[in-house]
N, C-alpha and C. Protein backbone atom coordinates (compact mmCIF):
# COMPACT_ATOMS: atom_id res chain seq x y z
N MET A 1 -38.47 -109.32 162.74
CA MET A 1 -39.39 -109.34 161.60
C MET A 1 -40.49 -108.31 161.81
N SER A 2 -40.81 -107.53 160.77
CA SER A 2 -41.82 -106.50 160.90
C SER A 2 -43.21 -107.13 160.96
N LYS A 3 -44.11 -106.40 161.56
CA LYS A 3 -45.48 -106.86 161.69
C LYS A 3 -46.17 -106.82 160.33
N GLY A 4 -47.01 -107.82 160.04
CA GLY A 4 -47.72 -107.85 158.77
C GLY A 4 -48.82 -106.81 158.71
N LEU A 5 -49.41 -106.68 157.54
CA LEU A 5 -50.47 -105.69 157.33
C LEU A 5 -51.60 -106.33 156.54
N LEU A 6 -52.82 -106.28 157.08
CA LEU A 6 -53.99 -106.80 156.38
C LEU A 6 -54.68 -105.66 155.66
N VAL A 7 -54.83 -105.80 154.34
CA VAL A 7 -55.45 -104.77 153.52
C VAL A 7 -56.74 -105.31 152.92
N VAL A 8 -57.85 -104.70 153.30
CA VAL A 8 -59.17 -105.10 152.79
C VAL A 8 -59.49 -104.25 151.57
N ILE A 9 -59.80 -104.91 150.46
CA ILE A 9 -60.12 -104.22 149.22
C ILE A 9 -61.56 -104.54 148.82
N SER A 10 -62.36 -103.50 148.61
CA SER A 10 -63.73 -103.69 148.13
C SER A 10 -63.99 -102.74 146.98
N ALA A 11 -64.91 -103.12 146.10
CA ALA A 11 -65.27 -102.28 144.96
C ALA A 11 -66.45 -102.91 144.23
N PRO A 12 -67.24 -102.11 143.55
CA PRO A 12 -68.30 -102.68 142.72
C PRO A 12 -67.70 -103.51 141.59
N SER A 13 -68.44 -104.46 141.10
CA SER A 13 -68.00 -105.28 139.98
C SER A 13 -67.68 -104.39 138.78
N GLY A 14 -66.52 -104.62 138.16
CA GLY A 14 -66.14 -103.83 137.00
C GLY A 14 -65.16 -102.71 137.30
N CYS A 15 -64.81 -102.52 138.58
CA CYS A 15 -63.90 -101.44 138.95
C CYS A 15 -62.42 -101.82 138.82
N GLY A 16 -62.13 -103.08 138.57
CA GLY A 16 -60.76 -103.51 138.33
C GLY A 16 -59.95 -103.83 139.57
N LYS A 17 -60.62 -104.14 140.69
CA LYS A 17 -59.88 -104.40 141.93
C LYS A 17 -58.96 -105.61 141.83
N ASP A 18 -59.41 -106.66 141.16
CA ASP A 18 -58.57 -107.86 141.03
C ASP A 18 -57.32 -107.57 140.19
N THR A 19 -57.50 -106.83 139.11
CA THR A 19 -56.37 -106.48 138.25
C THR A 19 -55.34 -105.66 139.01
N ILE A 20 -55.82 -104.68 139.78
CA ILE A 20 -54.93 -103.82 140.57
C ILE A 20 -54.12 -104.64 141.56
N ILE A 21 -54.80 -105.47 142.35
CA ILE A 21 -54.12 -106.22 143.41
C ILE A 21 -53.19 -107.27 142.84
N ASN A 22 -53.58 -107.93 141.76
CA ASN A 22 -52.70 -108.92 141.14
C ASN A 22 -51.40 -108.28 140.68
N GLU A 23 -51.47 -107.06 140.14
CA GLU A 23 -50.28 -106.35 139.69
C GLU A 23 -49.39 -105.97 140.88
N ILE A 24 -50.01 -105.51 141.97
CA ILE A 24 -49.24 -105.11 143.15
C ILE A 24 -48.53 -106.32 143.77
N VAL A 25 -49.25 -107.43 143.89
CA VAL A 25 -48.66 -108.64 144.47
C VAL A 25 -47.50 -109.14 143.60
N LYS A 26 -47.67 -109.03 142.28
CA LYS A 26 -46.61 -109.43 141.35
C LYS A 26 -45.36 -108.57 141.59
N GLU A 27 -45.56 -107.27 141.78
CA GLU A 27 -44.44 -106.35 142.02
C GLU A 27 -43.78 -106.58 143.38
N MET A 28 -44.60 -106.89 144.40
CA MET A 28 -44.08 -107.05 145.76
C MET A 28 -43.47 -108.41 146.01
N GLY A 29 -43.77 -109.37 145.15
CA GLY A 29 -43.19 -110.70 145.28
C GLY A 29 -43.56 -111.38 146.59
N ASN A 30 -42.55 -111.90 147.31
CA ASN A 30 -42.78 -112.66 148.54
C ASN A 30 -43.25 -111.80 149.70
N GLU A 31 -43.24 -110.49 149.54
CA GLU A 31 -43.66 -109.59 150.62
C GLU A 31 -45.18 -109.54 150.76
N ALA A 32 -45.91 -109.99 149.74
CA ALA A 32 -47.37 -109.86 149.76
C ALA A 32 -48.05 -111.11 149.21
N SER A 33 -49.30 -111.26 149.58
CA SER A 33 -50.10 -112.37 149.03
C SER A 33 -51.57 -112.02 149.11
N ILE A 34 -52.36 -112.71 148.30
CA ILE A 34 -53.81 -112.52 148.31
C ILE A 34 -54.42 -113.65 149.13
N SER A 35 -55.29 -113.30 150.06
CA SER A 35 -55.93 -114.31 150.90
C SER A 35 -56.74 -115.28 150.04
N VAL A 36 -56.62 -116.55 150.34
CA VAL A 36 -57.35 -117.59 149.60
C VAL A 36 -58.64 -117.91 150.35
N SER A 37 -59.75 -117.89 149.64
CA SER A 37 -61.05 -118.17 150.25
C SER A 37 -61.30 -119.67 150.39
N MET A 38 -62.27 -120.00 151.21
CA MET A 38 -62.70 -121.38 151.40
C MET A 38 -64.10 -121.54 150.80
N THR A 39 -64.37 -122.69 150.21
CA THR A 39 -65.68 -122.92 149.61
C THR A 39 -66.11 -124.37 149.75
N THR A 40 -67.42 -124.56 149.63
CA THR A 40 -67.96 -125.93 149.66
C THR A 40 -68.28 -126.43 148.26
N ARG A 41 -68.06 -125.59 147.25
CA ARG A 41 -68.32 -126.07 145.88
C ARG A 41 -67.21 -127.00 145.43
N ASP A 42 -67.51 -127.79 144.41
CA ASP A 42 -66.53 -128.75 143.90
C ASP A 42 -65.39 -128.03 143.17
N MET A 43 -64.22 -128.65 143.21
CA MET A 43 -63.08 -128.12 142.48
C MET A 43 -63.31 -128.29 140.98
N ARG A 44 -63.01 -127.23 140.22
CA ARG A 44 -63.19 -127.28 138.77
C ARG A 44 -61.88 -127.64 138.08
N PRO A 45 -61.95 -128.13 136.85
CA PRO A 45 -60.72 -128.48 136.11
C PRO A 45 -59.76 -127.28 136.04
N GLY A 46 -58.50 -127.53 136.31
CA GLY A 46 -57.51 -126.47 136.25
C GLY A 46 -57.30 -125.75 137.57
N GLU A 47 -58.17 -125.98 138.55
CA GLU A 47 -58.02 -125.34 139.86
C GLU A 47 -57.16 -126.20 140.77
N ALA A 48 -56.62 -125.56 141.81
CA ALA A 48 -55.74 -126.28 142.74
C ALA A 48 -56.06 -125.91 144.18
N GLU A 49 -55.99 -126.89 145.07
CA GLU A 49 -56.23 -126.69 146.50
C GLU A 49 -55.22 -125.68 147.06
N GLY A 50 -55.74 -124.69 147.78
CA GLY A 50 -54.89 -123.69 148.40
C GLY A 50 -54.42 -122.60 147.47
N VAL A 51 -54.76 -122.71 146.19
CA VAL A 51 -54.39 -121.68 145.21
C VAL A 51 -55.63 -120.90 144.80
N ASN A 52 -56.63 -121.61 144.28
CA ASN A 52 -57.90 -120.97 143.91
C ASN A 52 -58.82 -120.85 145.12
N TYR A 53 -58.93 -121.95 145.86
CA TYR A 53 -59.75 -122.01 147.08
C TYR A 53 -59.20 -123.11 147.98
N TYR A 54 -59.70 -123.09 149.23
CA TYR A 54 -59.58 -124.26 150.10
C TYR A 54 -60.93 -124.96 149.95
N TYR A 55 -60.93 -126.20 149.51
CA TYR A 55 -62.17 -126.93 149.24
C TYR A 55 -62.51 -127.83 150.42
N VAL A 56 -63.67 -127.61 151.02
CA VAL A 56 -64.09 -128.40 152.18
C VAL A 56 -65.54 -128.82 152.01
N SER A 57 -65.98 -129.75 152.86
CA SER A 57 -67.38 -130.19 152.85
C SER A 57 -68.25 -129.14 153.54
N ARG A 58 -69.52 -129.22 153.31
CA ARG A 58 -70.45 -128.30 153.96
C ARG A 58 -70.39 -128.46 155.48
N GLU A 59 -70.25 -129.70 155.92
CA GLU A 59 -70.18 -129.99 157.35
C GLU A 59 -68.95 -129.32 157.99
N GLN A 60 -67.81 -129.41 157.28
CA GLN A 60 -66.57 -128.81 157.78
C GLN A 60 -66.69 -127.29 157.83
N PHE A 61 -67.29 -126.72 156.80
CA PHE A 61 -67.44 -125.26 156.75
C PHE A 61 -68.31 -124.78 157.91
N GLU A 62 -69.42 -125.47 158.14
CA GLU A 62 -70.33 -125.08 159.21
C GLU A 62 -69.69 -125.27 160.58
N GLU A 63 -68.82 -126.27 160.70
CA GLU A 63 -68.10 -126.47 161.96
C GLU A 63 -67.12 -125.32 162.17
N ASN A 64 -66.48 -124.86 161.09
CA ASN A 64 -65.57 -123.72 161.18
C ASN A 64 -66.31 -122.47 161.64
N ILE A 65 -67.53 -122.30 161.15
CA ILE A 65 -68.35 -121.15 161.56
C ILE A 65 -68.64 -121.22 163.06
N ARG A 66 -69.06 -122.40 163.51
CA ARG A 66 -69.38 -122.58 164.93
C ARG A 66 -68.17 -122.35 165.82
N ASN A 67 -66.98 -122.71 165.32
CA ASN A 67 -65.76 -122.57 166.12
C ASN A 67 -65.11 -121.20 166.00
N GLY A 68 -65.77 -120.29 165.26
CA GLY A 68 -65.23 -118.94 165.11
C GLY A 68 -63.99 -118.88 164.25
N GLU A 69 -63.86 -119.83 163.32
CA GLU A 69 -62.66 -119.91 162.48
C GLU A 69 -62.81 -119.22 161.13
N MET A 70 -63.97 -118.57 160.89
CA MET A 70 -64.18 -117.87 159.64
C MET A 70 -64.17 -116.36 159.89
N LEU A 71 -63.35 -115.67 159.13
CA LEU A 71 -63.25 -114.21 159.25
C LEU A 71 -64.53 -113.56 158.73
N GLU A 72 -65.02 -114.08 157.63
CA GLU A 72 -66.30 -113.63 157.06
C GLU A 72 -66.74 -114.75 156.11
N TYR A 73 -68.04 -114.80 155.84
CA TYR A 73 -68.54 -115.81 154.92
C TYR A 73 -69.91 -115.40 154.38
N THR A 74 -70.27 -116.03 153.27
CA THR A 74 -71.57 -115.79 152.66
C THR A 74 -71.96 -117.03 151.88
N THR A 75 -73.16 -117.03 151.32
CA THR A 75 -73.62 -118.15 150.50
C THR A 75 -74.02 -117.66 149.12
N TYR A 76 -73.64 -118.44 148.11
CA TYR A 76 -74.08 -118.21 146.74
C TYR A 76 -74.68 -119.51 146.27
N GLY A 77 -75.98 -119.46 145.95
CA GLY A 77 -76.67 -120.69 145.58
C GLY A 77 -76.68 -121.64 146.77
N SER A 78 -76.19 -122.84 146.59
CA SER A 78 -76.19 -123.83 147.67
C SER A 78 -74.82 -123.97 148.33
N ASN A 79 -73.89 -123.09 147.98
CA ASN A 79 -72.53 -123.23 148.50
C ASN A 79 -72.10 -122.06 149.40
N TYR A 80 -71.23 -122.40 150.36
CA TYR A 80 -70.62 -121.39 151.22
C TYR A 80 -69.32 -120.89 150.59
N TYR A 81 -69.05 -119.62 150.81
CA TYR A 81 -67.76 -119.01 150.44
C TYR A 81 -67.33 -118.13 151.60
N GLY A 82 -66.06 -118.15 151.95
CA GLY A 82 -65.62 -117.30 153.05
C GLY A 82 -64.12 -117.31 153.23
N THR A 83 -63.66 -116.55 154.23
CA THR A 83 -62.24 -116.41 154.50
C THR A 83 -61.87 -117.06 155.82
N PRO A 84 -61.06 -118.13 155.80
CA PRO A 84 -60.63 -118.75 157.06
C PRO A 84 -59.62 -117.85 157.77
N VAL A 85 -59.72 -117.75 159.08
CA VAL A 85 -58.86 -116.87 159.87
C VAL A 85 -57.42 -117.38 159.92
N GLY A 86 -57.25 -118.69 160.08
CA GLY A 86 -55.93 -119.29 160.30
C GLY A 86 -54.85 -118.87 159.31
N PRO A 87 -55.06 -119.08 158.00
CA PRO A 87 -54.03 -118.72 157.02
C PRO A 87 -53.70 -117.22 157.02
N VAL A 88 -54.71 -116.38 157.27
CA VAL A 88 -54.46 -114.93 157.31
C VAL A 88 -53.55 -114.59 158.48
N LYS A 89 -53.84 -115.16 159.65
CA LYS A 89 -53.02 -114.90 160.84
C LYS A 89 -51.58 -115.38 160.64
N GLU A 90 -51.43 -116.53 159.98
CA GLU A 90 -50.11 -117.09 159.75
C GLU A 90 -49.27 -116.18 158.84
N LYS A 91 -49.89 -115.67 157.78
CA LYS A 91 -49.18 -114.79 156.85
C LYS A 91 -48.82 -113.47 157.53
N LEU A 92 -49.72 -112.95 158.35
CA LEU A 92 -49.44 -111.70 159.07
C LEU A 92 -48.30 -111.90 160.06
N LYS A 93 -48.30 -113.06 160.70
CA LYS A 93 -47.25 -113.40 161.67
C LYS A 93 -45.88 -113.41 160.99
N ASN A 94 -45.88 -113.80 159.70
CA ASN A 94 -44.63 -113.85 158.93
C ASN A 94 -44.29 -112.50 158.29
N GLY A 95 -45.02 -111.46 158.66
CA GLY A 95 -44.70 -110.12 158.21
C GLY A 95 -45.18 -109.74 156.82
N LYS A 96 -46.09 -110.52 156.26
CA LYS A 96 -46.55 -110.25 154.91
C LYS A 96 -47.65 -109.19 154.86
N VAL A 97 -47.78 -108.56 153.70
CA VAL A 97 -48.94 -107.72 153.40
C VAL A 97 -49.97 -108.67 152.79
N VAL A 98 -51.12 -108.80 153.45
CA VAL A 98 -52.14 -109.74 152.99
C VAL A 98 -53.33 -108.97 152.45
N PHE A 99 -53.67 -109.22 151.19
CA PHE A 99 -54.82 -108.56 150.57
C PHE A 99 -56.05 -109.45 150.68
N LEU A 100 -57.12 -108.86 151.15
CA LEU A 100 -58.38 -109.56 151.30
C LEU A 100 -59.40 -108.86 150.40
N ILE A 101 -59.73 -109.47 149.27
CA ILE A 101 -60.66 -108.87 148.30
C ILE A 101 -62.05 -109.43 148.58
N ILE A 102 -62.89 -108.60 149.19
CA ILE A 102 -64.21 -109.08 149.62
C ILE A 102 -65.30 -108.04 149.37
N GLU A 103 -66.55 -108.49 149.51
CA GLU A 103 -67.69 -107.60 149.35
C GLU A 103 -67.80 -106.67 150.56
N VAL A 104 -68.58 -105.62 150.41
CA VAL A 104 -68.76 -104.62 151.46
C VAL A 104 -69.25 -105.25 152.76
N GLU A 105 -70.20 -106.19 152.65
CA GLU A 105 -70.76 -106.80 153.86
C GLU A 105 -69.68 -107.53 154.66
N GLY A 106 -68.82 -108.25 153.96
CA GLY A 106 -67.76 -108.99 154.65
C GLY A 106 -66.76 -108.07 155.31
N GLY A 107 -66.57 -106.89 154.73
CA GLY A 107 -65.60 -105.95 155.27
C GLY A 107 -65.93 -105.49 156.68
N GLU A 108 -67.22 -105.49 157.02
CA GLU A 108 -67.65 -105.07 158.35
C GLU A 108 -67.07 -105.96 159.45
N ASN A 109 -67.03 -107.25 159.19
CA ASN A 109 -66.61 -108.21 160.21
C ASN A 109 -65.10 -108.26 160.42
N VAL A 110 -64.36 -107.90 159.39
CA VAL A 110 -62.91 -108.05 159.45
C VAL A 110 -62.28 -107.22 160.56
N ARG A 111 -62.72 -105.97 160.70
CA ARG A 111 -62.10 -105.08 161.68
C ARG A 111 -62.36 -105.53 163.11
N LYS A 112 -63.41 -106.32 163.33
CA LYS A 112 -63.69 -106.83 164.68
C LYS A 112 -62.58 -107.78 165.12
N ILE A 113 -62.03 -108.54 164.16
CA ILE A 113 -60.97 -109.51 164.47
C ILE A 113 -59.60 -108.90 164.26
N PHE A 114 -59.48 -108.04 163.24
CA PHE A 114 -58.20 -107.38 162.93
C PHE A 114 -58.40 -105.86 162.97
N PRO A 115 -58.40 -105.27 164.15
CA PRO A 115 -58.66 -103.83 164.28
C PRO A 115 -57.64 -102.95 163.57
N ASP A 116 -56.44 -103.48 163.27
CA ASP A 116 -55.42 -102.69 162.59
C ASP A 116 -55.47 -102.82 161.07
N CYS A 117 -56.47 -103.51 160.56
CA CYS A 117 -56.55 -103.69 159.11
C CYS A 117 -56.78 -102.35 158.42
N VAL A 118 -56.38 -102.27 157.17
CA VAL A 118 -56.56 -101.06 156.37
C VAL A 118 -57.61 -101.36 155.31
N LYS A 119 -58.65 -100.52 155.27
CA LYS A 119 -59.75 -100.76 154.34
C LYS A 119 -59.70 -99.74 153.20
N ILE A 120 -59.61 -100.26 151.97
CA ILE A 120 -59.54 -99.42 150.78
C ILE A 120 -60.70 -99.74 149.85
N PHE A 121 -61.40 -98.69 149.43
CA PHE A 121 -62.53 -98.86 148.51
C PHE A 121 -62.14 -98.28 147.15
N VAL A 122 -62.25 -99.09 146.11
CA VAL A 122 -61.91 -98.67 144.75
C VAL A 122 -63.18 -98.22 144.03
N ILE A 123 -63.15 -97.02 143.48
CA ILE A 123 -64.33 -96.49 142.77
C ILE A 123 -64.00 -96.25 141.30
N PRO A 124 -65.03 -96.26 140.45
CA PRO A 124 -64.83 -95.94 139.03
C PRO A 124 -64.82 -94.42 138.85
N PRO A 125 -64.30 -93.92 137.73
CA PRO A 125 -64.32 -92.48 137.50
C PRO A 125 -65.73 -91.92 137.33
N SER A 126 -66.65 -92.78 136.88
CA SER A 126 -68.05 -92.38 136.71
C SER A 126 -68.90 -93.63 136.54
N MET A 127 -70.21 -93.48 136.73
CA MET A 127 -71.11 -94.60 136.51
C MET A 127 -71.16 -94.96 135.03
N TYR A 128 -71.02 -93.94 134.18
CA TYR A 128 -70.99 -94.17 132.74
C TYR A 128 -69.82 -95.08 132.37
N GLU A 129 -68.63 -94.78 132.94
CA GLU A 129 -67.44 -95.57 132.65
C GLU A 129 -67.59 -96.99 133.20
N LEU A 130 -68.21 -97.11 134.39
CA LEU A 130 -68.41 -98.43 134.97
C LEU A 130 -69.29 -99.29 134.07
N GLU A 131 -70.37 -98.72 133.58
CA GLU A 131 -71.27 -99.46 132.69
C GLU A 131 -70.54 -99.84 131.40
N LYS A 132 -69.72 -98.92 130.91
CA LYS A 132 -68.94 -99.18 129.70
C LYS A 132 -68.01 -100.38 129.90
N ARG A 133 -67.37 -100.44 131.09
CA ARG A 133 -66.46 -101.55 131.38
C ARG A 133 -67.21 -102.87 131.48
N LEU A 134 -68.37 -102.84 132.14
CA LEU A 134 -69.16 -104.07 132.29
C LEU A 134 -69.60 -104.58 130.92
N ARG A 135 -70.02 -103.67 130.06
CA ARG A 135 -70.45 -104.07 128.71
C ARG A 135 -69.26 -104.53 127.88
N GLY A 136 -68.10 -103.95 128.15
CA GLY A 136 -66.90 -104.31 127.41
C GLY A 136 -66.44 -105.74 127.63
N ARG A 137 -66.88 -106.32 128.74
CA ARG A 137 -66.52 -107.71 129.01
C ARG A 137 -67.12 -108.65 127.97
N GLY A 138 -68.33 -108.29 127.52
CA GLY A 138 -69.01 -109.09 126.52
C GLY A 138 -69.49 -110.44 127.01
N SER A 139 -69.55 -110.61 128.34
CA SER A 139 -69.92 -111.92 128.89
C SER A 139 -71.23 -111.89 129.68
N ASP A 140 -71.76 -110.69 129.94
CA ASP A 140 -72.95 -110.57 130.77
C ASP A 140 -74.18 -110.17 129.94
N LYS A 141 -75.30 -110.75 130.31
CA LYS A 141 -76.56 -110.39 129.66
C LYS A 141 -77.02 -109.02 130.16
N GLU A 142 -77.95 -108.43 129.44
CA GLU A 142 -78.43 -107.08 129.76
C GLU A 142 -78.98 -106.99 131.17
N GLU A 143 -79.74 -107.98 131.60
CA GLU A 143 -80.33 -107.94 132.95
C GLU A 143 -79.27 -108.03 134.03
N VAL A 144 -78.19 -108.78 133.73
CA VAL A 144 -77.08 -108.90 134.69
C VAL A 144 -76.36 -107.57 134.84
N ILE A 145 -76.14 -106.89 133.72
CA ILE A 145 -75.47 -105.59 133.75
C ILE A 145 -76.29 -104.58 134.55
N LYS A 146 -77.59 -104.55 134.30
CA LYS A 146 -78.48 -103.63 135.02
C LYS A 146 -78.46 -103.92 136.52
N GLU A 147 -78.48 -105.21 136.87
CA GLU A 147 -78.45 -105.60 138.28
C GLU A 147 -77.14 -105.16 138.94
N ARG A 148 -76.03 -105.34 138.24
CA ARG A 148 -74.73 -104.95 138.79
C ARG A 148 -74.61 -103.44 138.94
N MET A 149 -75.22 -102.71 138.05
CA MET A 149 -75.20 -101.24 138.17
C MET A 149 -75.99 -100.79 139.39
N GLU A 150 -77.11 -101.44 139.66
CA GLU A 150 -77.91 -101.10 140.84
C GLU A 150 -77.17 -101.46 142.12
N ILE A 151 -76.52 -102.62 142.13
CA ILE A 151 -75.75 -103.04 143.30
C ILE A 151 -74.60 -102.06 143.52
N ALA A 152 -73.98 -101.61 142.42
CA ALA A 152 -72.86 -100.67 142.51
C ALA A 152 -73.29 -99.38 143.21
N LYS A 153 -74.46 -98.89 142.89
CA LYS A 153 -74.96 -97.66 143.52
C LYS A 153 -75.07 -97.82 145.04
N THR A 154 -75.55 -98.98 145.46
CA THR A 154 -75.68 -99.26 146.89
C THR A 154 -74.31 -99.37 147.55
N GLU A 155 -73.40 -100.07 146.89
CA GLU A 155 -72.06 -100.26 147.45
C GLU A 155 -71.30 -98.94 147.55
N LEU A 156 -71.42 -98.10 146.55
CA LEU A 156 -70.71 -96.82 146.54
C LEU A 156 -71.13 -95.91 147.70
N GLN A 157 -72.38 -96.05 148.13
CA GLN A 157 -72.86 -95.25 149.25
C GLN A 157 -72.16 -95.62 150.56
N ARG A 158 -71.53 -96.79 150.59
CA ARG A 158 -70.86 -97.24 151.81
C ARG A 158 -69.34 -97.07 151.74
N ALA A 159 -68.87 -96.45 150.69
CA ALA A 159 -67.43 -96.25 150.53
C ALA A 159 -66.84 -95.42 151.66
N THR A 160 -67.65 -94.53 152.25
CA THR A 160 -67.14 -93.66 153.33
C THR A 160 -66.86 -94.44 154.62
N GLU A 161 -67.26 -95.71 154.67
CA GLU A 161 -66.96 -96.54 155.84
C GLU A 161 -65.51 -97.04 155.81
N TYR A 162 -64.84 -96.80 154.69
CA TYR A 162 -63.46 -97.29 154.51
C TYR A 162 -62.46 -96.20 154.89
N ASP A 163 -61.19 -96.61 155.06
CA ASP A 163 -60.14 -95.67 155.43
C ASP A 163 -59.69 -94.83 154.25
N TYR A 164 -59.70 -95.42 153.07
CA TYR A 164 -59.24 -94.73 151.87
C TYR A 164 -60.16 -95.04 150.70
N ILE A 165 -60.28 -94.06 149.80
CA ILE A 165 -61.01 -94.26 148.55
C ILE A 165 -60.04 -93.98 147.41
N VAL A 166 -59.90 -94.95 146.52
CA VAL A 166 -58.98 -94.83 145.39
C VAL A 166 -59.77 -94.92 144.09
N GLU A 167 -59.57 -93.94 143.22
CA GLU A 167 -60.26 -93.95 141.93
C GLU A 167 -59.44 -94.71 140.91
N ASN A 168 -60.06 -95.65 140.22
CA ASN A 168 -59.38 -96.40 139.17
C ASN A 168 -59.82 -95.86 137.81
N ASP A 169 -59.18 -94.75 137.44
CA ASP A 169 -59.39 -94.18 136.10
C ASP A 169 -58.25 -94.67 135.21
N VAL A 170 -57.02 -94.35 135.64
CA VAL A 170 -55.82 -94.86 134.97
C VAL A 170 -55.24 -95.95 135.86
N LEU A 171 -55.13 -97.16 135.35
CA LEU A 171 -54.71 -98.32 136.14
C LEU A 171 -53.40 -98.08 136.87
N GLU A 172 -52.41 -97.56 136.18
CA GLU A 172 -51.09 -97.36 136.80
C GLU A 172 -51.16 -96.40 137.99
N GLU A 173 -52.01 -95.39 137.89
CA GLU A 173 -52.16 -94.42 138.98
C GLU A 173 -52.85 -95.05 140.18
N ALA A 174 -53.85 -95.88 139.93
CA ALA A 174 -54.55 -96.57 141.02
C ALA A 174 -53.59 -97.51 141.75
N ILE A 175 -52.76 -98.22 140.99
CA ILE A 175 -51.76 -99.12 141.58
C ILE A 175 -50.79 -98.32 142.44
N SER A 176 -50.31 -97.18 141.92
CA SER A 176 -49.38 -96.33 142.65
C SER A 176 -50.01 -95.80 143.93
N ASP A 177 -51.28 -95.40 143.87
CA ASP A 177 -51.98 -94.86 145.04
C ASP A 177 -52.05 -95.90 146.15
N ILE A 178 -52.41 -97.12 145.80
CA ILE A 178 -52.56 -98.17 146.81
C ILE A 178 -51.20 -98.56 147.38
N LYS A 179 -50.17 -98.60 146.56
CA LYS A 179 -48.82 -98.89 147.07
C LYS A 179 -48.36 -97.80 148.04
N THR A 180 -48.73 -96.55 147.76
CA THR A 180 -48.38 -95.44 148.65
C THR A 180 -49.09 -95.59 149.99
N ILE A 181 -50.36 -95.97 149.94
CA ILE A 181 -51.14 -96.19 151.17
C ILE A 181 -50.50 -97.29 152.01
N ILE A 182 -50.13 -98.38 151.37
CA ILE A 182 -49.51 -99.51 152.07
C ILE A 182 -48.23 -99.08 152.77
N ARG A 183 -47.38 -98.35 152.05
CA ARG A 183 -46.11 -97.92 152.64
C ARG A 183 -46.34 -96.99 153.83
N ALA A 184 -47.29 -96.07 153.69
CA ALA A 184 -47.60 -95.15 154.78
C ALA A 184 -48.11 -95.92 156.00
N GLU A 185 -48.96 -96.91 155.79
CA GLU A 185 -49.51 -97.68 156.89
C GLU A 185 -48.43 -98.52 157.58
N GLN A 186 -47.47 -99.00 156.79
CA GLN A 186 -46.38 -99.78 157.38
C GLN A 186 -45.51 -98.94 158.30
N LEU A 187 -45.51 -97.62 158.10
CA LEU A 187 -44.69 -96.73 158.91
C LEU A 187 -45.42 -96.17 160.13
N ARG A 188 -46.68 -96.54 160.28
CA ARG A 188 -47.45 -96.08 161.45
C ARG A 188 -46.81 -96.60 162.73
N ILE A 189 -46.96 -95.87 163.83
CA ILE A 189 -46.30 -96.22 165.08
C ILE A 189 -46.70 -97.60 165.59
N ASN A 190 -47.97 -97.99 165.43
CA ASN A 190 -48.37 -99.30 165.96
C ASN A 190 -47.77 -100.45 165.15
N ILE A 191 -47.35 -100.17 163.91
CA ILE A 191 -46.68 -101.18 163.10
C ILE A 191 -45.19 -101.20 163.40
N MET A 192 -44.60 -100.01 163.62
CA MET A 192 -43.16 -99.88 163.77
C MET A 192 -42.66 -99.98 165.21
N GLN A 193 -43.56 -100.17 166.16
CA GLN A 193 -43.14 -100.14 167.56
C GLN A 193 -42.16 -101.27 167.91
N THR A 194 -42.28 -102.43 167.24
CA THR A 194 -41.33 -103.52 167.48
C THR A 194 -39.93 -103.10 167.04
N LYS A 195 -39.85 -102.48 165.88
CA LYS A 195 -38.56 -102.01 165.38
C LYS A 195 -38.00 -100.93 166.30
N LEU A 196 -38.87 -100.08 166.80
CA LEU A 196 -38.45 -99.01 167.71
C LEU A 196 -37.84 -99.60 168.98
N ARG A 197 -38.47 -100.65 169.54
CA ARG A 197 -37.95 -101.31 170.74
C ARG A 197 -36.57 -101.89 170.49
N GLU A 198 -36.38 -102.49 169.30
CA GLU A 198 -35.09 -103.07 168.96
C GLU A 198 -34.00 -102.01 168.92
N VAL A 199 -34.32 -100.85 168.36
CA VAL A 199 -33.35 -99.76 168.27
C VAL A 199 -32.97 -99.28 169.67
N ILE A 200 -33.99 -99.11 170.53
CA ILE A 200 -33.74 -98.61 171.90
C ILE A 200 -32.92 -99.61 172.70
N GLU A 201 -33.30 -100.90 172.59
CA GLU A 201 -32.62 -101.94 173.37
C GLU A 201 -31.16 -102.12 172.94
N ASN A 202 -30.88 -101.82 171.68
CA ASN A 202 -29.52 -101.99 171.18
C ASN A 202 -28.69 -100.70 171.24
N ALA A 203 -29.27 -99.69 171.89
CA ALA A 203 -28.56 -98.39 171.96
C ALA A 203 -27.34 -98.50 172.87
């Protein structure tokens, strides 16, 4: 079985990272999955355990932090949100491509635990287009849009910390670019060395 690949995806709000990754996972089928986060907030109607989130108590989440079982985590309001290490390791062990869609801050911690992870930053074609997309949602108030634009400027300055930068101007092209990156990374020597040993041993 080939070694799995952890792909970290970050982007400012409105860049379409969720749409891109959902399409790729749909195309890849059982070969890929999106990492499921853990939270202390209550389950909402229509959500399911292990699909939308892993739902735990605050005490359990904090115990996971103390035991080093969280890949990254943050707080929003009074609730914790984060990525448990266990399920990610299990999927990688099974040879899957695992997508981890997280904020820039969380991306820093991932490589400490998974040094072979691939970090991809998705950028908009322009700040004008980003603002247009945010307004196009029709769900955010003016102050929220302005705040997200300011946060985007800060996040974009850190894009050079990633291995790849992909522009999402045309959705299909962005999807193709990321799929190309994944295939190239799967062929790297540190990923293919198990297969290489098998070939040599069976010579």
